[in-house]
Amino acid sequence: MKNYILAFVAVVSIAAAGCVGFEHKTSVTGPTSTGTSSIDSLAGSWQSVKDASSIIPNPNTCTDFHWNATSMTATTASGAFSASCNGVAFAGTASGTLSGTTVAWNASGAATSSSLPVSPCSIGLSGTAELGTNSIRVPYSGTTCVGAVSGVQILNKN
């Protein structure tokens, strides 16, 4: 009888084990890099990094960029812009369209002074910038009433 009970328990145990399943899944999550940035990363106030090596600036470059990005859509940002080009202080607006970590941008504005050959003196700049964590590398080229300009500025977020 003991053998029957032991055999019965063994059969029931094996049958029960066959009915019970065990499933184990592992999912690891962590930081990923997709090579894209959010338009929110352009929001705020940006300013040129002061470069001690440019004490005597090249006359065909612009310096002292300031951009305050205040208006945004899903992929664009725009706002007030100023720069000094060929010794002339310009003010206007700049806008950029974000795609991944690059920003296709343009700026336009004017300067008004009686010492300028044309007043108001207009400016138009454009380029494709590279967005970093708290900086933007801004290659640019364009024209002003005092000549063509081109170069690279690094802007840090204020």
N, C-alpha and C. Protein backbone atom coordinates (compact mmCIF):
# COMPACT_ATOMS: atom_id res chain seq x y z
N MET A 1 0.82 -1.18 0.00
CA MET A 1 0.00 0.00 0.00
C MET A 1 0.87 1.25 0.00
N LYS A 2 1.93 1.19 0.82
CA LYS A 2 2.82 2.33 0.84
C LYS A 2 3.38 2.61 -0.54
N ASN A 3 3.67 1.56 -1.29
CA ASN A 3 4.23 1.74 -2.63
C ASN A 3 3.22 2.40 -3.56
N TYR A 4 1.93 2.05 -3.42
CA TYR A 4 0.90 2.66 -4.25
C TYR A 4 0.75 4.15 -3.94
N ILE A 5 0.77 4.46 -2.66
CA ILE A 5 0.64 5.88 -2.27
C ILE A 5 1.85 6.66 -2.77
N LEU A 6 3.04 6.10 -2.61
CA LEU A 6 4.26 6.77 -3.07
C LEU A 6 4.24 6.93 -4.58
N ALA A 7 3.80 5.91 -5.32
CA ALA A 7 3.71 5.98 -6.77
C ALA A 7 2.66 7.01 -7.19
N PHE A 8 1.52 7.04 -6.45
CA PHE A 8 0.46 8.01 -6.74
C PHE A 8 0.97 9.44 -6.54
N VAL A 9 1.65 9.69 -5.45
CA VAL A 9 2.20 11.03 -5.17
C VAL A 9 3.22 11.40 -6.25
N ALA A 10 4.05 10.47 -6.68
CA ALA A 10 5.05 10.75 -7.71
C ALA A 10 4.37 11.10 -9.03
N VAL A 11 3.32 10.36 -9.42
CA VAL A 11 2.60 10.63 -10.68
C VAL A 11 1.93 12.00 -10.62
N VAL A 12 1.26 12.29 -9.50
CA VAL A 12 0.58 13.58 -9.36
C VAL A 12 1.61 14.71 -9.40
N SER A 13 2.75 14.53 -8.76
CA SER A 13 3.80 15.57 -8.74
C SER A 13 4.33 15.83 -10.14
N ILE A 14 4.57 14.76 -10.88
CA ILE A 14 5.08 14.91 -12.26
C ILE A 14 4.04 15.58 -13.14
N ALA A 15 2.79 15.18 -13.00
CA ALA A 15 1.72 15.78 -13.79
C ALA A 15 1.55 17.26 -13.45
N ALA A 16 1.62 17.58 -12.18
CA ALA A 16 1.48 18.98 -11.76
C ALA A 16 2.65 19.81 -12.27
N ALA A 17 3.84 19.24 -12.24
CA ALA A 17 5.00 19.96 -12.73
C ALA A 17 4.88 20.24 -14.22
N GLY A 18 4.28 19.35 -14.94
CA GLY A 18 4.08 19.56 -16.37
C GLY A 18 3.07 20.64 -16.67
N CYS A 19 2.17 20.91 -15.76
CA CYS A 19 1.14 21.93 -15.96
C CYS A 19 1.60 23.32 -15.54
N VAL A 20 2.60 23.38 -14.73
CA VAL A 20 3.07 24.67 -14.23
C VAL A 20 4.21 25.13 -15.11
N GLY A 21 4.14 26.34 -15.58
CA GLY A 21 5.20 26.90 -16.40
C GLY A 21 5.95 27.97 -15.64
N PHE A 22 7.17 28.21 -16.05
CA PHE A 22 7.97 29.26 -15.44
C PHE A 22 8.56 30.08 -16.57
N GLU A 23 8.33 31.36 -16.49
CA GLU A 23 8.85 32.25 -17.52
C GLU A 23 9.64 33.35 -16.85
N HIS A 24 10.79 33.66 -17.42
CA HIS A 24 11.65 34.70 -16.86
C HIS A 24 12.11 35.59 -18.00
N LYS A 25 11.88 36.89 -17.86
CA LYS A 25 12.33 37.87 -18.85
C LYS A 25 13.20 38.89 -18.15
N THR A 26 14.23 39.32 -18.83
CA THR A 26 15.09 40.36 -18.30
C THR A 26 15.10 41.51 -19.28
N SER A 27 14.93 42.71 -18.77
CA SER A 27 14.98 43.90 -19.60
C SER A 27 15.86 44.93 -18.91
N VAL A 28 16.92 45.32 -19.57
CA VAL A 28 17.83 46.30 -18.99
C VAL A 28 17.55 47.64 -19.64
N THR A 29 17.33 48.65 -18.82
CA THR A 29 17.14 50.00 -19.36
C THR A 29 18.26 50.88 -18.86
N GLY A 30 18.59 51.85 -19.66
CA GLY A 30 19.64 52.78 -19.29
C GLY A 30 19.71 53.90 -20.30
N PRO A 31 20.65 54.80 -20.14
CA PRO A 31 20.76 55.92 -21.07
C PRO A 31 21.12 55.42 -22.46
N THR A 32 20.51 56.04 -23.43
CA THR A 32 20.84 55.74 -24.81
C THR A 32 21.12 57.04 -25.53
N SER A 33 21.88 56.96 -26.58
CA SER A 33 22.19 58.14 -27.38
C SER A 33 21.57 57.96 -28.74
N THR A 34 20.62 58.80 -29.08
CA THR A 34 19.96 58.68 -30.37
C THR A 34 20.49 59.69 -31.36
N GLY A 35 21.39 60.58 -30.92
CA GLY A 35 21.91 61.59 -31.83
C GLY A 35 20.92 62.71 -32.11
N THR A 36 19.89 62.81 -31.30
CA THR A 36 18.92 63.87 -31.50
C THR A 36 18.83 64.71 -30.25
N SER A 37 18.34 65.91 -30.40
CA SER A 37 18.14 66.81 -29.28
C SER A 37 16.74 67.36 -29.34
N SER A 38 16.29 67.85 -28.22
CA SER A 38 14.98 68.46 -28.13
C SER A 38 15.10 69.94 -28.45
N ILE A 39 14.05 70.50 -29.02
CA ILE A 39 14.04 71.93 -29.31
C ILE A 39 14.18 72.73 -28.03
N ASP A 40 13.78 72.16 -26.90
CA ASP A 40 13.94 72.84 -25.61
C ASP A 40 15.41 73.14 -25.30
N SER A 41 16.32 72.35 -25.87
CA SER A 41 17.74 72.59 -25.61
C SER A 41 18.22 73.90 -26.23
N LEU A 42 17.45 74.49 -27.15
CA LEU A 42 17.82 75.79 -27.73
C LEU A 42 17.24 76.96 -26.96
N ALA A 43 16.29 76.71 -26.09
CA ALA A 43 15.62 77.80 -25.38
C ALA A 43 16.59 78.53 -24.47
N GLY A 44 16.34 79.81 -24.29
CA GLY A 44 17.12 80.59 -23.34
C GLY A 44 18.06 81.57 -23.99
N SER A 45 18.98 82.04 -23.20
CA SER A 45 19.91 83.09 -23.60
C SER A 45 21.29 82.50 -23.88
N TRP A 46 21.88 82.88 -25.01
CA TRP A 46 23.18 82.38 -25.44
C TRP A 46 24.11 83.56 -25.68
N GLN A 47 25.41 83.36 -25.45
CA GLN A 47 26.37 84.44 -25.61
C GLN A 47 27.71 83.88 -26.08
N SER A 48 28.43 84.64 -26.91
CA SER A 48 29.75 84.22 -27.38
C SER A 48 30.71 84.01 -26.24
N VAL A 49 31.55 83.01 -26.40
CA VAL A 49 32.64 82.77 -25.46
C VAL A 49 33.70 83.83 -25.74
N LYS A 50 34.19 84.45 -24.70
CA LYS A 50 35.24 85.46 -24.87
C LYS A 50 36.54 84.74 -25.20
N ASP A 51 37.16 85.13 -26.31
CA ASP A 51 38.38 84.49 -26.79
C ASP A 51 39.54 85.47 -26.64
N ALA A 52 40.45 85.20 -25.72
CA ALA A 52 41.58 86.09 -25.47
C ALA A 52 42.51 86.19 -26.68
N SER A 53 42.50 85.18 -27.55
CA SER A 53 43.39 85.21 -28.72
C SER A 53 42.92 86.19 -29.78
N SER A 54 41.68 86.70 -29.66
CA SER A 54 41.16 87.61 -30.69
C SER A 54 41.13 89.05 -30.19
N ILE A 55 42.21 89.47 -29.52
CA ILE A 55 42.29 90.85 -29.04
C ILE A 55 42.23 91.81 -30.22
N ILE A 56 42.90 91.46 -31.30
CA ILE A 56 42.80 92.25 -32.53
C ILE A 56 41.99 91.40 -33.51
N PRO A 57 40.67 91.66 -33.60
CA PRO A 57 39.82 90.80 -34.43
C PRO A 57 40.09 90.98 -35.92
N ASN A 58 39.86 89.92 -36.65
CA ASN A 58 39.93 89.95 -38.09
C ASN A 58 38.83 90.89 -38.58
N PRO A 59 39.12 91.82 -39.47
CA PRO A 59 38.08 92.77 -39.90
C PRO A 59 36.92 92.14 -40.68
N ASN A 60 37.07 90.90 -41.10
CA ASN A 60 36.00 90.25 -41.86
C ASN A 60 35.25 89.22 -41.03
N THR A 61 35.24 89.40 -39.71
CA THR A 61 34.54 88.47 -38.83
C THR A 61 33.55 89.22 -37.94
N CYS A 62 32.72 88.44 -37.29
CA CYS A 62 31.78 88.98 -36.30
C CYS A 62 32.14 88.42 -34.94
N THR A 63 31.88 89.19 -33.90
CA THR A 63 32.16 88.75 -32.54
C THR A 63 30.96 89.11 -31.67
N ASP A 64 31.05 88.71 -30.43
CA ASP A 64 30.08 89.09 -29.40
C ASP A 64 28.63 88.79 -29.79
N PHE A 65 28.41 87.53 -30.23
CA PHE A 65 27.05 87.10 -30.55
C PHE A 65 26.22 87.00 -29.27
N HIS A 66 24.99 87.42 -29.34
CA HIS A 66 24.01 87.22 -28.27
C HIS A 66 22.72 86.77 -28.94
N TRP A 67 22.12 85.69 -28.40
CA TRP A 67 20.85 85.20 -28.94
C TRP A 67 19.96 84.83 -27.78
N ASN A 68 18.76 85.36 -27.77
CA ASN A 68 17.79 85.02 -26.74
C ASN A 68 16.61 84.34 -27.42
N ALA A 69 16.63 83.00 -27.41
CA ALA A 69 15.60 82.20 -28.08
C ALA A 69 14.35 82.15 -27.20
N THR A 70 13.32 82.85 -27.62
CA THR A 70 12.10 82.96 -26.80
C THR A 70 10.86 82.37 -27.46
N SER A 71 10.88 82.21 -28.77
CA SER A 71 9.71 81.68 -29.49
C SER A 71 10.09 80.33 -30.08
N MET A 72 9.27 79.29 -29.77
CA MET A 72 9.61 77.95 -30.25
C MET A 72 8.39 77.21 -30.78
N THR A 73 8.66 76.37 -31.78
CA THR A 73 7.68 75.40 -32.25
C THR A 73 8.31 74.03 -32.01
N ALA A 74 7.77 73.00 -32.62
CA ALA A 74 8.31 71.65 -32.43
C ALA A 74 9.75 71.52 -32.92
N THR A 75 10.14 72.26 -33.97
CA THR A 75 11.48 72.11 -34.53
C THR A 75 12.23 73.42 -34.72
N THR A 76 11.62 74.56 -34.41
CA THR A 76 12.29 75.84 -34.63
C THR A 76 12.35 76.68 -33.36
N ALA A 77 13.33 77.57 -33.33
CA ALA A 77 13.46 78.53 -32.24
C ALA A 77 13.87 79.86 -32.85
N SER A 78 13.37 80.96 -32.29
CA SER A 78 13.75 82.28 -32.79
C SER A 78 13.74 83.27 -31.65
N GLY A 79 14.40 84.40 -31.89
CA GLY A 79 14.44 85.44 -30.88
C GLY A 79 15.41 86.53 -31.25
N ALA A 80 15.63 87.43 -30.31
CA ALA A 80 16.51 88.58 -30.51
C ALA A 80 17.96 88.14 -30.69
N PHE A 81 18.66 88.84 -31.58
CA PHE A 81 20.05 88.52 -31.91
C PHE A 81 20.84 89.82 -32.02
N SER A 82 22.09 89.78 -31.58
CA SER A 82 22.99 90.92 -31.80
C SER A 82 24.40 90.40 -32.00
N ALA A 83 25.20 91.18 -32.70
CA ALA A 83 26.59 90.84 -32.96
C ALA A 83 27.34 92.10 -33.35
N SER A 84 28.64 92.03 -33.26
CA SER A 84 29.49 93.12 -33.72
C SER A 84 30.29 92.61 -34.91
N CYS A 85 30.12 93.24 -36.08
CA CYS A 85 30.79 92.81 -37.30
C CYS A 85 31.53 94.00 -37.91
N ASN A 86 32.78 93.79 -38.22
CA ASN A 86 33.60 94.87 -38.78
C ASN A 86 33.51 96.13 -37.92
N GLY A 87 33.43 95.95 -36.61
CA GLY A 87 33.38 97.08 -35.69
C GLY A 87 32.03 97.76 -35.59
N VAL A 88 31.00 97.19 -36.22
CA VAL A 88 29.66 97.77 -36.21
C VAL A 88 28.74 96.87 -35.39
N ALA A 89 28.00 97.45 -34.45
CA ALA A 89 27.07 96.68 -33.61
C ALA A 89 25.72 96.55 -34.30
N PHE A 90 25.32 95.31 -34.56
CA PHE A 90 24.06 95.01 -35.24
C PHE A 90 23.07 94.41 -34.25
N ALA A 91 21.79 94.63 -34.49
CA ALA A 91 20.73 94.02 -33.70
C ALA A 91 19.61 93.60 -34.63
N GLY A 92 18.98 92.48 -34.32
CA GLY A 92 17.89 91.98 -35.15
C GLY A 92 17.33 90.71 -34.56
N THR A 93 17.00 89.77 -35.44
CA THR A 93 16.44 88.49 -35.01
C THR A 93 17.21 87.35 -35.66
N ALA A 94 17.18 86.20 -34.98
CA ALA A 94 17.78 84.98 -35.52
C ALA A 94 16.80 83.84 -35.29
N SER A 95 16.83 82.87 -36.20
CA SER A 95 15.99 81.68 -36.04
C SER A 95 16.79 80.46 -36.48
N GLY A 96 16.42 79.32 -35.93
CA GLY A 96 17.09 78.09 -36.28
C GLY A 96 16.11 76.94 -36.32
N THR A 97 16.43 75.96 -37.17
CA THR A 97 15.63 74.75 -37.29
C THR A 97 16.50 73.58 -36.87
N LEU A 98 16.05 72.87 -35.84
CA LEU A 98 16.80 71.76 -35.27
C LEU A 98 16.54 70.47 -36.04
N SER A 99 17.61 69.75 -36.36
CA SER A 99 17.53 68.44 -36.99
C SER A 99 18.64 67.58 -36.38
N GLY A 100 18.27 66.71 -35.46
CA GLY A 100 19.28 65.94 -34.73
C GLY A 100 20.03 66.85 -33.79
N THR A 101 21.33 67.00 -34.03
CA THR A 101 22.14 67.92 -33.22
C THR A 101 22.66 69.09 -34.05
N THR A 102 22.12 69.28 -35.25
CA THR A 102 22.51 70.43 -36.06
C THR A 102 21.35 71.42 -36.16
N VAL A 103 21.72 72.67 -36.33
CA VAL A 103 20.73 73.75 -36.40
C VAL A 103 21.03 74.58 -37.65
N ALA A 104 20.14 74.52 -38.63
CA ALA A 104 20.23 75.41 -39.79
C ALA A 104 19.68 76.76 -39.31
N TRP A 105 20.49 77.81 -39.38
CA TRP A 105 20.07 79.08 -38.79
C TRP A 105 20.33 80.24 -39.73
N ASN A 106 19.66 81.35 -39.44
CA ASN A 106 19.92 82.59 -40.14
C ASN A 106 19.58 83.75 -39.23
N ALA A 107 20.22 84.88 -39.48
CA ALA A 107 19.99 86.08 -38.69
C ALA A 107 19.96 87.27 -39.62
N SER A 108 19.16 88.24 -39.26
CA SER A 108 19.13 89.49 -40.02
C SER A 108 18.92 90.63 -39.05
N GLY A 109 19.40 91.77 -39.43
CA GLY A 109 19.27 92.94 -38.57
C GLY A 109 19.85 94.16 -39.22
N ALA A 110 20.08 95.18 -38.40
CA ALA A 110 20.60 96.43 -38.92
C ALA A 110 21.33 97.19 -37.82
N ALA A 111 22.14 98.13 -38.27
CA ALA A 111 22.81 99.07 -37.38
C ALA A 111 22.51 100.47 -37.90
N THR A 112 22.39 101.40 -37.00
CA THR A 112 22.12 102.78 -37.40
C THR A 112 23.18 103.68 -36.79
N SER A 113 23.89 104.40 -37.66
CA SER A 113 24.90 105.34 -37.19
C SER A 113 25.24 106.30 -38.32
N SER A 114 25.51 107.53 -37.97
CA SER A 114 25.88 108.52 -39.00
C SER A 114 27.26 108.25 -39.56
N SER A 115 28.07 107.44 -38.87
CA SER A 115 29.42 107.15 -39.35
C SER A 115 29.46 106.00 -40.36
N LEU A 116 28.34 105.36 -40.58
CA LEU A 116 28.29 104.25 -41.53
C LEU A 116 28.10 104.76 -42.95
N PRO A 117 28.61 104.00 -43.92
CA PRO A 117 28.43 104.43 -45.32
C PRO A 117 26.96 104.42 -45.74
N VAL A 118 26.17 103.55 -45.16
CA VAL A 118 24.74 103.45 -45.43
C VAL A 118 24.06 103.30 -44.08
N SER A 119 23.02 104.07 -43.84
CA SER A 119 22.31 103.93 -42.57
C SER A 119 20.82 103.90 -42.85
N PRO A 120 20.08 102.90 -42.46
CA PRO A 120 20.55 101.77 -41.65
C PRO A 120 21.39 100.80 -42.46
N CYS A 121 22.35 100.22 -41.79
CA CYS A 121 23.27 99.25 -42.39
C CYS A 121 22.70 97.86 -42.08
N SER A 122 22.41 97.07 -43.11
CA SER A 122 21.80 95.77 -42.88
C SER A 122 22.85 94.67 -42.77
N ILE A 123 22.43 93.57 -42.13
CA ILE A 123 23.27 92.39 -41.97
C ILE A 123 22.43 91.16 -42.24
N GLY A 124 23.04 90.16 -42.84
CA GLY A 124 22.41 88.86 -43.05
C GLY A 124 23.45 87.78 -42.83
N LEU A 125 23.22 86.90 -41.89
CA LEU A 125 24.14 85.81 -41.58
C LEU A 125 23.40 84.48 -41.66
N SER A 126 24.13 83.40 -41.98
CA SER A 126 23.52 82.08 -41.98
C SER A 126 24.60 81.03 -41.80
N GLY A 127 24.17 79.81 -41.51
CA GLY A 127 25.10 78.71 -41.35
C GLY A 127 24.39 77.49 -40.78
N THR A 128 25.18 76.46 -40.50
CA THR A 128 24.67 75.25 -39.85
C THR A 128 25.46 75.05 -38.57
N ALA A 129 24.80 75.24 -37.46
CA ALA A 129 25.44 75.16 -36.15
C ALA A 129 25.38 73.74 -35.59
N GLU A 130 26.27 73.47 -34.65
CA GLU A 130 26.33 72.17 -33.99
C GLU A 130 25.99 72.36 -32.52
N LEU A 131 24.93 71.71 -32.08
CA LEU A 131 24.45 71.84 -30.71
C LEU A 131 25.18 70.88 -29.79
N GLY A 132 25.73 71.44 -28.70
CA GLY A 132 26.36 70.63 -27.66
C GLY A 132 25.46 70.64 -26.44
N THR A 133 25.98 70.20 -25.30
CA THR A 133 25.19 70.15 -24.08
C THR A 133 24.80 71.54 -23.61
N ASN A 134 25.77 72.42 -23.44
CA ASN A 134 25.49 73.79 -23.02
C ASN A 134 26.19 74.80 -23.92
N SER A 135 26.47 74.41 -25.15
CA SER A 135 27.13 75.31 -26.09
C SER A 135 26.64 75.03 -27.50
N ILE A 136 26.86 76.01 -28.34
CA ILE A 136 26.55 75.86 -29.77
C ILE A 136 27.76 76.36 -30.54
N ARG A 137 28.28 75.54 -31.44
CA ARG A 137 29.36 75.96 -32.35
C ARG A 137 28.68 76.51 -33.59
N VAL A 138 28.93 77.80 -33.86
CA VAL A 138 28.18 78.51 -34.90
C VAL A 138 29.10 78.98 -36.03
N PRO A 139 29.29 78.15 -37.07
CA PRO A 139 29.94 78.66 -38.28
C PRO A 139 28.97 79.60 -38.99
N TYR A 140 29.46 80.68 -39.56
CA TYR A 140 28.58 81.65 -40.20
C TYR A 140 29.26 82.28 -41.41
N SER A 141 28.46 82.79 -42.30
CA SER A 141 28.92 83.64 -43.39
C SER A 141 27.77 84.57 -43.71
N GLY A 142 28.12 85.71 -44.27
CA GLY A 142 27.07 86.67 -44.60
C GLY A 142 27.62 87.98 -45.11
N THR A 143 26.72 88.93 -45.19
CA THR A 143 27.09 90.24 -45.71
C THR A 143 26.59 91.35 -44.80
N THR A 144 27.32 92.44 -44.81
CA THR A 144 26.91 93.66 -44.14
C THR A 144 27.16 94.81 -45.12
N CYS A 145 26.72 96.01 -44.77
CA CYS A 145 26.98 97.14 -45.65
C CYS A 145 28.45 97.54 -45.64
N VAL A 146 29.24 96.99 -44.72
CA VAL A 146 30.67 97.28 -44.68
C VAL A 146 31.51 96.09 -45.14
N GLY A 147 30.88 95.09 -45.77
CA GLY A 147 31.62 93.99 -46.35
C GLY A 147 31.12 92.62 -45.93
N ALA A 148 31.71 91.62 -46.61
CA ALA A 148 31.37 90.22 -46.32
C ALA A 148 32.06 89.79 -45.03
N VAL A 149 31.41 88.86 -44.30
CA VAL A 149 31.96 88.33 -43.06
C VAL A 149 31.81 86.82 -43.04
N SER A 150 32.71 86.16 -42.32
CA SER A 150 32.60 84.71 -42.11
C SER A 150 33.49 84.32 -40.95
N GLY A 151 33.18 83.20 -40.34
CA GLY A 151 33.97 82.72 -39.22
C GLY A 151 33.21 81.71 -38.41
N VAL A 152 33.64 81.50 -37.16
CA VAL A 152 33.01 80.57 -36.25
C VAL A 152 32.96 81.22 -34.87
N GLN A 153 31.82 81.14 -34.22
CA GLN A 153 31.67 81.59 -32.85
C GLN A 153 31.17 80.41 -32.01
N ILE A 154 31.60 80.35 -30.77
CA ILE A 154 31.10 79.37 -29.81
C ILE A 154 30.21 80.15 -28.85
N LEU A 155 28.95 79.72 -28.72
CA LEU A 155 28.02 80.36 -27.81
C LEU A 155 27.77 79.43 -26.64
N ASN A 156 27.81 79.97 -25.44
CA ASN A 156 27.47 79.23 -24.24
C ASN A 156 26.11 79.68 -23.74
N LYS A 157 25.39 78.74 -23.15
CA LYS A 157 24.09 79.05 -22.57
C LYS A 157 24.31 79.81 -21.27
N ASN A 158 23.58 80.92 -21.10
CA ASN A 158 23.69 81.71 -19.88
C ASN A 158 22.85 81.12 -18.79
